[in-house]
Amino acid sequence: MEEAADTAQVNFEIVDLYSLDRETALIDTPYGGVSVTLQGDKGDPAILTYHDIGLNHCSNFGTFLGSKSMEALADKFCWYHINAPGQEFGAEKLPVDFSYPTMTQLAEQIEYIMDYYQLAHFIGLGVGAGANVLARYAMLNPERVSGLILINLEPQAMSWTHPAWLSGKAVQWQLKGREIGIPRLAAIHLKHHAFGSISGALDGDLVRSYMEELSVQQPNNLALLMDSYHKRSSITGDFIKLMECPCLFVVSGSFTHKETLVKLCSLLPQGKATYLEISNTSGLLLEEQPARLAIALQLFLQGLGLVPALSTHHTCPSLHTSMVLEGISAPLYPIAAS
């Protein structure tokens, strides 16, 4: 019953991390300024978050971290919420001559954030495009990443055969140069990116909350991030060769690249990868199923030795096993410390 109450609660309101007396800094990098909001005590272990396209740190992670399921865990870490350039709430339109960073350059910006806060290493939590950025950073700087939680990661490049390639190009054309407002075609495209084909079966308040948050994004800046994401290079080969930290791959039921990730997990060294599918969900896993994601996160962090052993009845089968989490009482996966 607690899980149901938690899920119902987060469908009605996105927690505003900007209004909670957080420290926000605009950090200069060779690829432009990056807005980072800090949540927690700097003396605690660091978790860096990175959002998906159409979202920012507040709309992507505010609900999850403000949920009842995360009450005990959230305060044990210091959260560094990264916003891709121009994606934070209230961002001004980027100059016409601004060269938006590539996905690899977005990853390189993280090094400057690490230096700014004097961080030796961190755990990464990324969704969609943000998961791709964090994975790239971990390959570039494996010694500074203790673990990754990657939600709906697409490791391959987007070619013209991708279902979203043509519509994505049209949306970018609509958004570029705009000062305010997300046109209808763009909103439909981004809604499908977030929810997949199951949006009609979701709670209406969750969908409305997402659309409201999307409507205040700076459209030109959003187009630039979309363009960078759509032009991404494949990281599959390098990921297998260079990834050293433990990785938890989480996918929603609507995610269309499951086979790619299962294969990727199977090629990584034993003990480094775990794959978890949460069925009957859209891409907004953190908002739809905060209780289930909280358990997954707790177990992962427990495996890294960062939280005490949990009092839980969940069993831990062998590594590299693909799990479909139907309910909070279903068996989960094991986590091995590096």
C-alpha atoms as a PDB file:
ATOM      1  CA  MET A   1       0.000   0.000   0.000  1.00  0.00           C
ATOM      2  CA  GLU A   2       2.890   2.333   0.701  1.00  0.00           C
ATOM      3  CA  GLU A   3       4.144   1.932  -2.851  1.00  0.00           C
ATOM      4  CA  ALA A   4       0.745   2.765  -4.328  1.00  0.00           C
ATOM      5  CA  ALA A   5       0.471   5.877  -2.182  1.00  0.00           C
ATOM      6  CA  ASP A   6       3.937   6.991  -3.184  1.00  0.00           C
ATOM      7  CA  THR A   7       3.233   6.539  -6.879  1.00  0.00           C
ATOM      8  CA  ALA A   8      -0.043   8.424  -6.656  1.00  0.00           C
ATOM      9  CA  GLN A   9       1.627  11.285  -4.855  1.00  0.00           C
ATOM     10  CA  VAL A  10       4.338  11.885  -7.449  1.00  0.00           C
ATOM     11  CA  ASN A  11       1.861  11.912 -10.338  1.00  0.00           C
ATOM     12  CA  PHE A  12       0.391  15.180  -9.059  1.00  0.00           C
ATOM     13  CA  GLU A  13       3.403  17.348  -8.417  1.00  0.00           C
ATOM     14  CA  ILE A  14       6.954  17.763  -9.613  1.00  0.00           C
ATOM     15  CA  VAL A  15       9.125  18.759  -6.669  1.00  0.00           C
ATOM     16  CA  ASP A  16      10.908  22.028  -7.396  1.00  0.00           C
ATOM     17  CA  LEU A  17      14.543  21.577  -6.417  1.00  0.00           C
ATOM     18  CA  TYR A  18      15.171  25.245  -7.168  1.00  0.00           C
ATOM     19  CA  SER A  19      12.796  26.309  -4.380  1.00  0.00           C
ATOM     20  CA  LEU A  20      14.438  24.181  -1.686  1.00  0.00           C
ATOM     21  CA  ASP A  21      17.334  26.513  -0.870  1.00  0.00           C
ATOM     22  CA  ARG A  22      19.807  24.627  -3.035  1.00  0.00           C
ATOM     23  CA  GLU A  23      23.190  25.974  -4.064  1.00  0.00           C
ATOM     24  CA  THR A  24      23.401  26.585  -7.810  1.00  0.00           C
ATOM     25  CA  ALA A  25      26.571  27.495  -9.704  1.00  0.00           C
ATOM     26  CA  LEU A  26      27.245  28.365 -13.338  1.00  0.00           C
ATOM     27  CA  ILE A  27      30.548  26.661 -14.107  1.00  0.00           C
ATOM     28  CA  ASP A  28      32.667  27.856 -17.023  1.00  0.00           C
ATOM     29  CA  THR A  29      34.031  25.263 -19.430  1.00  0.00           C
ATOM     30  CA  PRO A  30      35.611  25.480 -22.905  1.00  0.00           C
ATOM     31  CA  TYR A  31      32.213  24.438 -24.299  1.00  0.00           C
ATOM     32  CA  GLY A  32      30.107  27.011 -22.470  1.00  0.00           C
ATOM     33  CA  GLY A  33      28.682  27.460 -18.998  1.00  0.00           C
ATOM     34  CA  VAL A  34      26.997  24.620 -17.146  1.00  0.00           C
ATOM     35  CA  SER A  35      24.398  25.134 -14.435  1.00  0.00           C
ATOM     36  CA  VAL A  36      24.857  22.717 -11.524  1.00  0.00           C
ATOM     37  CA  THR A  37      22.572  22.550  -8.500  1.00  0.00           C
ATOM     38  CA  LEU A  38      23.942  20.996  -5.339  1.00  0.00           C
ATOM     39  CA  GLN A  39      21.657  19.133  -2.937  1.00  0.00           C
ATOM     40  CA  GLY A  40      23.043  17.818   0.347  1.00  0.00           C
ATOM     41  CA  ASP A  41      26.212  17.928   2.403  1.00  0.00           C
ATOM     42  CA  LYS A  42      29.468  18.193   0.439  1.00  0.00           C
ATOM     43  CA  GLY A  43      31.066  15.835   2.931  1.00  0.00           C
ATOM     44  CA  ASP A  44      28.840  12.951   1.827  1.00  0.00           C
ATOM     45  CA  PRO A  45      29.546  10.661  -1.159  1.00  0.00           C
ATOM     46  CA  ALA A  46      28.823  12.357  -4.479  1.00  0.00           C
ATOM     47  CA  ILE A  47      26.106  11.364  -6.938  1.00  0.00           C
ATOM     48  CA  LEU A  48      26.006  13.278 -10.230  1.00  0.00           C
ATOM     49  CA  THR A  49      22.717  13.326 -12.116  1.00  0.00           C
ATOM     50  CA  TYR A  50      22.223  14.117 -15.793  1.00  0.00           C
ATOM     51  CA  HIS A  51      18.808  14.586 -17.375  1.00  0.00           C
ATOM     52  CA  ASP A  52      17.209  13.521 -20.654  1.00  0.00           C
ATOM     53  CA  ILE A  53      16.175  15.777 -23.555  1.00  0.00           C
ATOM     54  CA  GLY A  54      13.023  17.811 -22.922  1.00  0.00           C
ATOM     55  CA  LEU A  55      13.817  17.864 -19.194  1.00  0.00           C
ATOM     56  CA  ASN A  56      16.268  19.394 -16.750  1.00  0.00           C
ATOM     57  CA  HIS A  57      17.551  18.346 -13.355  1.00  0.00           C
ATOM     58  CA  CYS A  58      14.425  19.527 -11.556  1.00  0.00           C
ATOM     59  CA  SER A  59      11.793  17.992 -13.833  1.00  0.00           C
ATOM     60  CA  ASN A  60      13.761  14.749 -14.272  1.00  0.00           C
ATOM     61  CA  PHE A  61      14.875  14.062 -10.679  1.00  0.00           C
ATOM     62  CA  GLY A  62      12.873  16.345  -8.369  1.00  0.00           C
ATOM     63  CA  THR A  63       9.897  14.028  -8.005  1.00  0.00           C
ATOM     64  CA  PHE A  64      12.043  10.965  -7.377  1.00  0.00           C
ATOM     65  CA  LEU A  65      14.281  12.556  -4.755  1.00  0.00           C
ATOM     66  CA  GLY A  66      11.291  14.157  -3.057  1.00  0.00           C
ATOM     67  CA  SER A  67       9.336  10.905  -2.882  1.00  0.00           C
ATOM     68  CA  LYS A  68       8.678   9.016   0.330  1.00  0.00           C
ATOM     69  CA  SER A  69      10.662   6.063  -1.012  1.00  0.00           C
ATOM     70  CA  MET A  70      13.859   8.128  -1.118  1.00  0.00           C
ATOM     71  CA  GLU A  71      13.537   9.839   2.262  1.00  0.00           C
ATOM     72  CA  ALA A  72      16.112   7.667   4.017  1.00  0.00           C
ATOM     73  CA  LEU A  73      18.558   7.394   1.133  1.00  0.00           C
ATOM     74  CA  ALA A  74      18.607  10.902  -0.337  1.00  0.00           C
ATOM     75  CA  ASP A  75      20.160  12.480   2.759  1.00  0.00           C
ATOM     76  CA  LYS A  76      23.092  10.053   2.783  1.00  0.00           C
ATOM     77  CA  PHE A  77      24.576  11.551  -0.401  1.00  0.00           C
ATOM     78  CA  CYS A  78      25.429  14.895  -1.913  1.00  0.00           C
ATOM     79  CA  TRP A  79      23.656  15.253  -5.253  1.00  0.00           C
ATOM     80  CA  TYR A  80      25.222  17.330  -8.006  1.00  0.00           C
ATOM     81  CA  HIS A  81      22.494  17.972 -10.577  1.00  0.00           C
ATOM     82  CA  ILE A  82      23.927  18.878 -13.976  1.00  0.00           C
ATOM     83  CA  ASN A  83      21.894  20.769 -16.550  1.00  0.00           C
ATOM     84  CA  ALA A  84      23.053  20.579 -20.148  1.00  0.00           C
ATOM     85  CA  PRO A  85      23.852  24.091 -21.470  1.00  0.00           C
ATOM     86  CA  GLY A  86      20.716  26.190 -21.773  1.00  0.00           C
ATOM     87  CA  GLN A  87      18.352  23.562 -20.357  1.00  0.00           C
ATOM     88  CA  GLU A  88      17.878  24.900 -16.801  1.00  0.00           C
ATOM     89  CA  PHE A  89      14.616  26.634 -15.920  1.00  0.00           C
ATOM     90  CA  GLY A  90      14.743  30.316 -16.794  1.00  0.00           C
ATOM     91  CA  ALA A  91      17.633  29.893 -19.232  1.00  0.00           C
ATOM     92  CA  GLU A  92      18.055  32.625 -21.801  1.00  0.00           C
ATOM     93  CA  LYS A  93      18.212  31.800 -25.480  1.00  0.00           C
ATOM     94  CA  LEU A  94      21.760  30.846 -26.415  1.00  0.00           C
ATOM     95  CA  PRO A  95      23.520  33.212 -28.861  1.00  0.00           C
ATOM     96  CA  VAL A  96      23.224  32.496 -32.564  1.00  0.00           C
ATOM     97  CA  ASP A  97      26.979  31.936 -32.830  1.00  0.00           C
ATOM     98  CA  PHE A  98      27.093  29.525 -29.864  1.00  0.00           C
ATOM     99  CA  SER A  99      28.555  26.175 -30.888  1.00  0.00           C
ATOM    100  CA  TYR A 100      26.593  23.625 -28.918  1.00  0.00           C
ATOM    101  CA  PRO A 101      28.753  20.830 -27.442  1.00  0.00           C
ATOM    102  CA  THR A 102      28.739  17.371 -28.954  1.00  0.00           C
ATOM    103  CA  MET A 103      27.845  14.465 -26.676  1.00  0.00           C
ATOM    104  CA  THR A 104      31.538  13.829 -26.042  1.00  0.00           C
ATOM    105  CA  GLN A 105      32.115  17.504 -25.252  1.00  0.00           C
ATOM    106  CA  LEU A 106      29.175  17.443 -22.835  1.00  0.00           C
ATOM    107  CA  ALA A 107      30.958  14.560 -21.128  1.00  0.00           C
ATOM    108  CA  GLU A 108      34.214  16.520 -21.056  1.00  0.00           C
ATOM    109  CA  GLN A 109      32.423  19.355 -19.247  1.00  0.00           C
ATOM    110  CA  ILE A 110      31.993  17.035 -16.259  1.00  0.00           C
ATOM    111  CA  GLU A 111      35.736  17.160 -15.617  1.00  0.00           C
ATOM    112  CA  TYR A 112      35.448  20.907 -14.976  1.00  0.00           C
ATOM    113  CA  ILE A 113      32.523  20.303 -12.629  1.00  0.00           C
ATOM    114  CA  MET A 114      34.595  17.729 -10.749  1.00  0.00           C
ATOM    115  CA  ASP A 115      37.455  20.195 -10.394  1.00  0.00           C
ATOM    116  CA  TYR A 116      35.144  23.040  -9.357  1.00  0.00           C
ATOM    117  CA  TYR A 117      33.752  21.005  -6.460  1.00  0.00           C
ATOM    118  CA  GLN A 118      37.075  19.233  -5.813  1.00  0.00           C
ATOM    119  CA  LEU A 119      35.548  15.796  -6.243  1.00  0.00           C
ATOM    120  CA  ALA A 120      37.804  12.763  -6.513  1.00  0.00           C
ATOM    121  CA  HIS A 121      35.109  10.423  -7.832  1.00  0.00           C
ATOM    122  CA  PHE A 122      31.359  10.029  -8.079  1.00  0.00           C
ATOM    123  CA  ILE A 123      28.442   7.733  -8.846  1.00  0.00           C
ATOM    124  CA  GLY A 124      26.432   8.691 -11.920  1.00  0.00           C
ATOM    125  CA  LEU A 125      22.656   8.592 -12.379  1.00  0.00           C
ATOM    126  CA  GLY A 126      21.567   9.432 -15.912  1.00  0.00           C
ATOM    127  CA  VAL A 127      18.438   9.124 -18.033  1.00  0.00           C
ATOM    128  CA  GLY A 128      18.343   8.848 -21.836  1.00  0.00           C
ATOM    129  CA  ALA A 129      20.690  11.465 -23.267  1.00  0.00           C
ATOM    130  CA  GLY A 130      22.085  12.045 -19.774  1.00  0.00           C
ATOM    131  CA  ALA A 131      22.922   8.358 -19.438  1.00  0.00           C
ATOM    132  CA  ASN A 132      24.831   8.583 -22.703  1.00  0.00           C
ATOM    133  CA  VAL A 133      26.823  11.595 -21.463  1.00  0.00           C
ATOM    134  CA  LEU A 134      27.755   9.920 -18.167  1.00  0.00           C
ATOM    135  CA  ALA A 135      28.793   6.722 -19.945  1.00  0.00           C
ATOM    136  CA  ARG A 136      31.111   8.744 -22.188  1.00  0.00           C
ATOM    137  CA  TYR A 137      32.691  10.444 -19.194  1.00  0.00           C
ATOM    138  CA  ALA A 138      33.249   7.099 -17.451  1.00  0.00           C
ATOM    139  CA  MET A 139      35.086   5.821 -20.518  1.00  0.00           C
ATOM    140  CA  LEU A 140      37.254   8.946 -20.662  1.00  0.00           C
ATOM    141  CA  ASN A 141      37.991   8.994 -16.916  1.00  0.00           C
ATOM    142  CA  PRO A 142      37.375   5.522 -15.470  1.00  0.00           C
ATOM    143  CA  GLU A 143      39.343   6.245 -12.302  1.00  0.00           C
ATOM    144  CA  ARG A 144      36.861   8.976 -11.284  1.00  0.00           C
ATOM    145  CA  VAL A 145      33.638   6.968 -11.592  1.00  0.00           C
ATOM    146  CA  SER A 146      32.682   4.481  -8.869  1.00  0.00           C
ATOM    147  CA  GLY A 147      29.486   3.266 -10.505  1.00  0.00           C
ATOM    148  CA  LEU A 148      26.778   4.161 -13.022  1.00  0.00           C
ATOM    149  CA  ILE A 149      23.000   3.840 -12.989  1.00  0.00           C
ATOM    150  CA  LEU A 150      21.974   4.249 -16.628  1.00  0.00           C
ATOM    151  CA  ILE A 151      18.258   4.485 -17.392  1.00  0.00           C
ATOM    152  CA  ASN A 152      17.117   3.871 -20.977  1.00  0.00           C
ATOM    153  CA  LEU A 153      20.615   4.224 -22.415  1.00  0.00           C
ATOM    154  CA  GLU A 154      20.859   4.227 -26.212  1.00  0.00           C
ATOM    155  CA  PRO A 155      24.534   3.388 -26.892  1.00  0.00           C
ATOM    156  CA  GLN A 156      24.305   3.309 -30.668  1.00  0.00           C
ATOM    157  CA  ALA A 157      24.401   6.210 -33.102  1.00  0.00           C
ATOM    158  CA  MET A 158      21.109   7.476 -34.532  1.00  0.00           C
ATOM    159  CA  SER A 159      20.937   6.857 -38.272  1.00  0.00           C
ATOM    160  CA  TRP A 160      18.277   7.902 -40.757  1.00  0.00           C
ATOM    161  CA  THR A 161      16.643   4.487 -40.295  1.00  0.00           C
ATOM    162  CA  HIS A 162      15.831   5.294 -36.644  1.00  0.00           C
ATOM    163  CA  PRO A 163      12.046   5.782 -36.205  1.00  0.00           C
ATOM    164  CA  ALA A 164      12.590   9.195 -34.583  1.00  0.00           C
ATOM    165  CA  TRP A 165      15.193  10.511 -37.027  1.00  0.00           C
ATOM    166  CA  LEU A 166      12.922  12.291 -39.522  1.00  0.00           C
ATOM    167  CA  SER A 167      10.432  13.623 -36.968  1.00  0.00           C
ATOM    168  CA  GLY A 168      13.332  14.749 -34.796  1.00  0.00           C
ATOM    169  CA  LYS A 169      14.778  16.784 -37.654  1.00  0.00           C
ATOM    170  CA  ALA A 170      11.400  18.431 -38.240  1.00  0.00           C
ATOM    171  CA  VAL A 171      11.070  19.260 -34.557  1.00  0.00           C
ATOM    172  CA  GLN A 172      14.533  20.812 -34.401  1.00  0.00           C
ATOM    173  CA  TRP A 173      13.661  22.988 -37.388  1.00  0.00           C
ATOM    174  CA  GLN A 174      10.483  24.129 -35.589  1.00  0.00           C
ATOM    175  CA  LEU A 175      12.272  24.936 -32.347  1.00  0.00           C
ATOM    176  CA  LYS A 176      15.422  26.664 -33.591  1.00  0.00           C
ATOM    177  CA  GLY A 177      15.344  30.415 -33.214  1.00  0.00           C
ATOM    178  CA  ARG A 178      12.211  30.497 -31.050  1.00  0.00           C
ATOM    179  CA  GLU A 179      12.179  32.633 -27.924  1.00  0.00           C
ATOM    180  CA  ILE A 180       9.338  30.921 -26.058  1.00  0.00           C
ATOM    181  CA  GLY A 181       6.803  28.134 -26.480  1.00  0.00           C
ATOM    182  CA  ILE A 182       6.945  24.551 -27.712  1.00  0.00           C
ATOM    183  CA  PRO A 183       4.968  24.034 -30.958  1.00  0.00           C
ATOM    184  CA  ARG A 184       2.422  21.231 -31.105  1.00  0.00           C
ATOM    185  CA  LEU A 185       4.468  18.930 -33.405  1.00  0.00           C
ATOM    186  CA  ALA A 186       7.495  19.268 -31.155  1.00  0.00           C
ATOM    187  CA  ALA A 187       5.416  18.602 -28.048  1.00  0.00           C
ATOM    188  CA  ILE A 188       3.968  15.427 -29.576  1.00  0.00           C
ATOM    189  CA  HIS A 189       7.419  14.186 -30.580  1.00  0.00           C
ATOM    190  CA  LEU A 190       8.898  14.811 -27.136  1.00  0.00           C
ATOM    191  CA  LYS A 191       5.876  13.283 -25.427  1.00  0.00           C
ATOM    192  CA  HIS A 192       6.447  10.128 -27.449  1.00  0.00           C
ATOM    193  CA  HIS A 193      10.138  10.208 -26.536  1.00  0.00           C
ATOM    194  CA  ALA A 194       9.214  10.376 -22.852  1.00  0.00           C
ATOM    195  CA  PHE A 195       6.292   7.960 -22.756  1.00  0.00           C
ATOM    196  CA  GLY A 196       6.561   5.792 -25.843  1.00  0.00           C
ATOM    197  CA  SER A 197       3.371   4.268 -27.190  1.00  0.00           C
ATOM    198  CA  ILE A 198       1.744   3.736 -23.788  1.00  0.00           C
ATOM    199  CA  SER A 199       1.012   7.354 -22.859  1.00  0.00           C
ATOM    200  CA  GLY A 200      -2.725   6.794 -23.286  1.00  0.00           C
ATOM    201  CA  ALA A 201      -2.685   4.215 -20.496  1.00  0.00           C
ATOM    202  CA  LEU A 202      -0.852   6.450 -18.009  1.00  0.00           C
ATOM    203  CA  ASP A 203      -2.230   8.589 -15.242  1.00  0.00           C
ATOM    204  CA  GLY A 204      -3.369  11.832 -16.835  1.00  0.00           C
ATOM    205  CA  ASP A 205      -1.789  13.957 -14.126  1.00  0.00           C
ATOM    206  CA  LEU A 206       1.664  12.559 -14.866  1.00  0.00           C
ATOM    207  CA  VAL A 207       1.317  13.338 -18.570  1.00  0.00           C
ATOM    208  CA  ARG A 208      -0.032  16.821 -17.866  1.00  0.00           C
ATOM    209  CA  SER A 209       2.799  17.532 -15.421  1.00  0.00           C
ATOM    210  CA  TYR A 210       5.347  16.511 -18.045  1.00  0.00           C
ATOM    211  CA  MET A 211       3.738  18.687 -20.722  1.00  0.00           C
ATOM    212  CA  GLU A 212       3.616  21.667 -18.360  1.00  0.00           C
ATOM    213  CA  GLU A 213       7.295  21.292 -17.512  1.00  0.00           C
ATOM    214  CA  LEU A 214       8.149  20.913 -21.207  1.00  0.00           C
ATOM    215  CA  SER A 215       6.244  24.080 -22.113  1.00  0.00           C
ATOM    216  CA  VAL A 216       8.643  26.302 -20.113  1.00  0.00           C
ATOM    217  CA  GLN A 217      11.834  24.915 -21.662  1.00  0.00           C
ATOM    218  CA  GLN A 218      13.708  27.402 -23.842  1.00  0.00           C
ATOM    219  CA  PRO A 219      12.849  26.024 -27.323  1.00  0.00           C
ATOM    220  CA  ASN A 220      15.949  27.107 -29.230  1.00  0.00           C
ATOM    221  CA  ASN A 221      18.259  25.637 -26.597  1.00  0.00           C
ATOM    222  CA  LEU A 222      16.262  22.428 -26.551  1.00  0.00           C
ATOM    223  CA  ALA A 223      16.668  22.127 -30.329  1.00  0.00           C
ATOM    224  CA  LEU A 224      20.435  22.440 -29.959  1.00  0.00           C
ATOM    225  CA  LEU A 225      20.586  19.660 -27.364  1.00  0.00           C
ATOM    226  CA  MET A 226      18.349  17.456 -29.507  1.00  0.00           C
ATOM    227  CA  ASP A 227      20.616  18.022 -32.495  1.00  0.00           C
ATOM    228  CA  SER A 228      23.674  17.046 -30.455  1.00  0.00           C
ATOM    229  CA  TYR A 229      21.957  13.899 -29.176  1.00  0.00           C
ATOM    230  CA  HIS A 230      20.714  12.888 -32.621  1.00  0.00           C
ATOM    231  CA  LYS A 231      24.229  13.316 -34.065  1.00  0.00           C
ATOM    232  CA  ARG A 232      25.821  11.195 -31.340  1.00  0.00           C
ATOM    233  CA  SER A 233      28.445   8.641 -32.207  1.00  0.00           C
ATOM    234  CA  SER A 234      28.134   5.022 -31.136  1.00  0.00           C
ATOM    235  CA  ILE A 235      29.779   4.143 -27.840  1.00  0.00           C
ATOM    236  CA  THR A 236      29.158   0.393 -27.947  1.00  0.00           C
ATOM    237  CA  GLY A 237      32.672  -0.726 -28.910  1.00  0.00           C
ATOM    238  CA  ASP A 238      34.478   1.644 -26.554  1.00  0.00           C
ATOM    239  CA  PHE A 239      32.051   0.856 -23.750  1.00  0.00           C
ATOM    240  CA  ILE A 240      33.001  -2.813 -23.857  1.00  0.00           C
ATOM    241  CA  LYS A 241      36.739  -2.021 -23.965  1.00  0.00           C
ATOM    242  CA  LEU A 242      36.967   0.928 -21.591  1.00  0.00           C
ATOM    243  CA  MET A 243      34.181   0.652 -18.996  1.00  0.00           C
ATOM    244  CA  GLU A 244      35.657  -0.331 -15.623  1.00  0.00           C
ATOM    245  CA  CYS A 245      33.034   0.555 -13.009  1.00  0.00           C
ATOM    246  CA  PRO A 246      29.935  -1.465 -12.059  1.00  0.00           C
ATOM    247  CA  CYS A 247      26.910  -0.491 -14.149  1.00  0.00           C
ATOM    248  CA  LEU A 248      23.215  -0.915 -13.491  1.00  0.00           C
ATOM    249  CA  PHE A 249      21.219  -0.721 -16.723  1.00  0.00           C
ATOM    250  CA  VAL A 250      17.544   0.026 -16.090  1.00  0.00           C
ATOM    251  CA  VAL A 251      15.000   0.015 -18.905  1.00  0.00           C
ATOM    252  CA  SER A 252      11.299   0.744 -19.042  1.00  0.00           C
ATOM    253  CA  GLY A 253       8.734  -1.558 -20.561  1.00  0.00           C
ATOM    254  CA  SER A 254       8.327   0.854 -23.482  1.00  0.00           C
ATOM    255  CA  PHE A 255      12.062   1.067 -24.253  1.00  0.00           C
ATOM    256  CA  THR A 256      12.776  -0.096 -27.810  1.00  0.00           C
ATOM    257  CA  HIS A 257      16.487  -0.933 -27.582  1.00  0.00           C
ATOM    258  CA  LYS A 258      16.423  -3.702 -24.983  1.00  0.00           C
ATOM    259  CA  GLU A 259      18.190  -6.274 -27.149  1.00  0.00           C
ATOM    260  CA  THR A 260      21.126  -3.905 -27.684  1.00  0.00           C
ATOM    261  CA  LEU A 261      21.571  -3.398 -23.951  1.00  0.00           C
ATOM    262  CA  VAL A 262      21.208  -7.087 -23.105  1.00  0.00           C
ATOM    263  CA  LYS A 263      23.952  -7.868 -25.606  1.00  0.00           C
ATOM    264  CA  LEU A 264      26.105  -5.057 -24.199  1.00  0.00           C
ATOM    265  CA  CYS A 265      25.704  -6.455 -20.680  1.00  0.00           C
ATOM    266  CA  SER A 266      26.690  -9.924 -21.832  1.00  0.00           C
ATOM    267  CA  LEU A 267      29.949  -8.614 -23.314  1.00  0.00           C
ATOM    268  CA  LEU A 268      31.076  -6.731 -20.211  1.00  0.00           C
ATOM    269  CA  PRO A 269      33.351  -8.424 -17.631  1.00  0.00           C
ATOM    270  CA  GLN A 270      31.683 -10.630 -15.060  1.00  0.00           C
ATOM    271  CA  GLY A 271      30.412  -8.626 -12.117  1.00  0.00           C
ATOM    272  CA  LYS A 272      30.375  -5.288 -13.937  1.00  0.00           C
ATOM    273  CA  ALA A 273      26.874  -5.177 -15.399  1.00  0.00           C
ATOM    274  CA  THR A 274      23.332  -5.813 -14.271  1.00  0.00           C
ATOM    275  CA  TYR A 275      20.242  -5.395 -16.428  1.00  0.00           C
ATOM    276  CA  LEU A 276      16.853  -4.574 -14.929  1.00  0.00           C
ATOM    277  CA  GLU A 277      13.600  -4.152 -16.814  1.00  0.00           C
ATOM    278  CA  ILE A 278      10.600  -2.642 -15.065  1.00  0.00           C
ATOM    279  CA  SER A 279       7.626  -3.768 -17.093  1.00  0.00           C
ATOM    280  CA  ASN A 280       4.504  -1.797 -17.955  1.00  0.00           C
ATOM    281  CA  THR A 281       6.238   1.547 -17.647  1.00  0.00           C
ATOM    282  CA  SER A 282       7.089   4.475 -19.894  1.00  0.00           C
ATOM    283  CA  GLY A 283      10.395   6.315 -20.100  1.00  0.00           C
ATOM    284  CA  LEU A 284       9.613   8.367 -16.980  1.00  0.00           C
ATOM    285  CA  LEU A 285      10.507   5.538 -14.625  1.00  0.00           C
ATOM    286  CA  LEU A 286      11.579   7.811 -11.807  1.00  0.00           C
ATOM    287  CA  GLU A 287       8.170   9.474 -11.749  1.00  0.00           C
ATOM    288  CA  GLU A 288       6.051   6.360 -12.347  1.00  0.00           C
ATOM    289  CA  GLN A 289       7.776   3.885 -10.059  1.00  0.00           C
ATOM    290  CA  PRO A 290       9.844   5.716  -7.441  1.00  0.00           C
ATOM    291  CA  ALA A 291       9.523   2.903  -4.902  1.00  0.00           C
ATOM    292  CA  ARG A 292      10.898   0.263  -7.262  1.00  0.00           C
ATOM    293  CA  LEU A 293      13.722   2.493  -8.457  1.00  0.00           C
ATOM    294  CA  ALA A 294      14.583   3.386  -4.867  1.00  0.00           C
ATOM    295  CA  ILE A 295      15.058  -0.302  -4.032  1.00  0.00           C
ATOM    296  CA  ALA A 296      17.236  -0.813  -7.106  1.00  0.00           C
ATOM    297  CA  LEU A 297      19.336   2.226  -6.216  1.00  0.00           C
ATOM    298  CA  GLN A 298      19.692   1.129  -2.587  1.00  0.00           C
ATOM    299  CA  LEU A 299      20.889  -2.328  -3.566  1.00  0.00           C
ATOM    300  CA  PHE A 300      23.348  -0.928  -6.076  1.00  0.00           C
ATOM    301  CA  LEU A 301      24.808   1.493  -3.547  1.00  0.00           C
ATOM    302  CA  GLN A 302      24.871  -1.253  -0.945  1.00  0.00           C
ATOM    303  CA  GLY A 303      26.940  -3.352  -3.322  1.00  0.00           C
ATOM    304  CA  LEU A 304      29.401  -0.488  -3.649  1.00  0.00           C
ATOM    305  CA  GLY A 305      29.704  -0.386   0.137  1.00  0.00           C
ATOM    306  CA  LEU A 306      28.170   3.076   0.408  1.00  0.00           C
ATOM    307  CA  VAL A 307      25.084   2.255   2.487  1.00  0.00           C
ATOM    308  CA  PRO A 308      24.585  -0.264   5.305  1.00  0.00           C
ATOM    309  CA  ALA A 309      23.136  -3.665   4.543  1.00  0.00           C
ATOM    310  CA  LEU A 310      19.415  -3.343   3.992  1.00  0.00           C
ATOM    311  CA  SER A 311      16.779  -5.183   5.911  1.00  0.00           C
ATOM    312  CA  THR A 312      15.043  -6.732   2.926  1.00  0.00           C
ATOM    313  CA  HIS A 313      13.639 -10.040   1.814  1.00  0.00           C
ATOM    314  CA  HIS A 314      14.725  -9.605  -1.809  1.00  0.00           C
ATOM    315  CA  THR A 315      16.833 -12.436  -3.144  1.00  0.00           C
ATOM    316  CA  CYS A 316      19.956 -12.047  -5.290  1.00  0.00           C
ATOM    317  CA  PRO A 317      20.342 -14.478  -8.195  1.00  0.00           C
ATOM    318  CA  SER A 318      23.579 -14.812 -10.148  1.00  0.00           C
ATOM    319  CA  LEU A 319      25.101 -11.882 -11.989  1.00  0.00           C
ATOM    320  CA  HIS A 320      24.368 -11.070 -15.619  1.00  0.00           C
ATOM    321  CA  THR A 321      20.790 -12.292 -15.226  1.00  0.00           C
ATOM    322  CA  SER A 322      18.091 -10.284 -16.975  1.00  0.00           C
ATOM    323  CA  MET A 323      15.285  -9.469 -14.555  1.00  0.00           C
ATOM    324  CA  VAL A 324      11.779  -8.198 -15.187  1.00  0.00           C
ATOM    325  CA  LEU A 325      10.540  -6.444 -12.065  1.00  0.00           C
ATOM    326  CA  GLU A 326       6.777  -6.891 -11.982  1.00  0.00           C
ATOM    327  CA  GLY A 327       6.280  -5.642  -8.432  1.00  0.00           C
ATOM    328  CA  ILE A 328       8.125  -4.400  -5.438  1.00  0.00           C
ATOM    329  CA  SER A 329       8.081  -7.866  -3.894  1.00  0.00           C
ATOM    330  CA  ALA A 330       9.697  -9.515  -6.925  1.00  0.00           C
ATOM    331  CA  PRO A 331      13.266 -10.855  -6.705  1.00  0.00           C
ATOM    332  CA  LEU A 332      15.909  -8.344  -7.660  1.00  0.00           C
ATOM    333  CA  TYR A 333      19.429  -8.723  -8.962  1.00  0.00           C
ATOM    334  CA  PRO A 334      22.748  -8.850  -7.169  1.00  0.00           C
ATOM    335  CA  ILE A 335      25.256  -6.032  -7.125  1.00  0.00           C
ATOM    336  CA  ALA A 336      28.966  -6.738  -6.945  1.00  0.00           C
ATOM    337  CA  ALA A 337      31.403  -4.215  -5.582  1.00  0.00           C
ATOM    338  CA  SER A 338      34.279  -3.274  -7.849  1.00  0.00           C
END
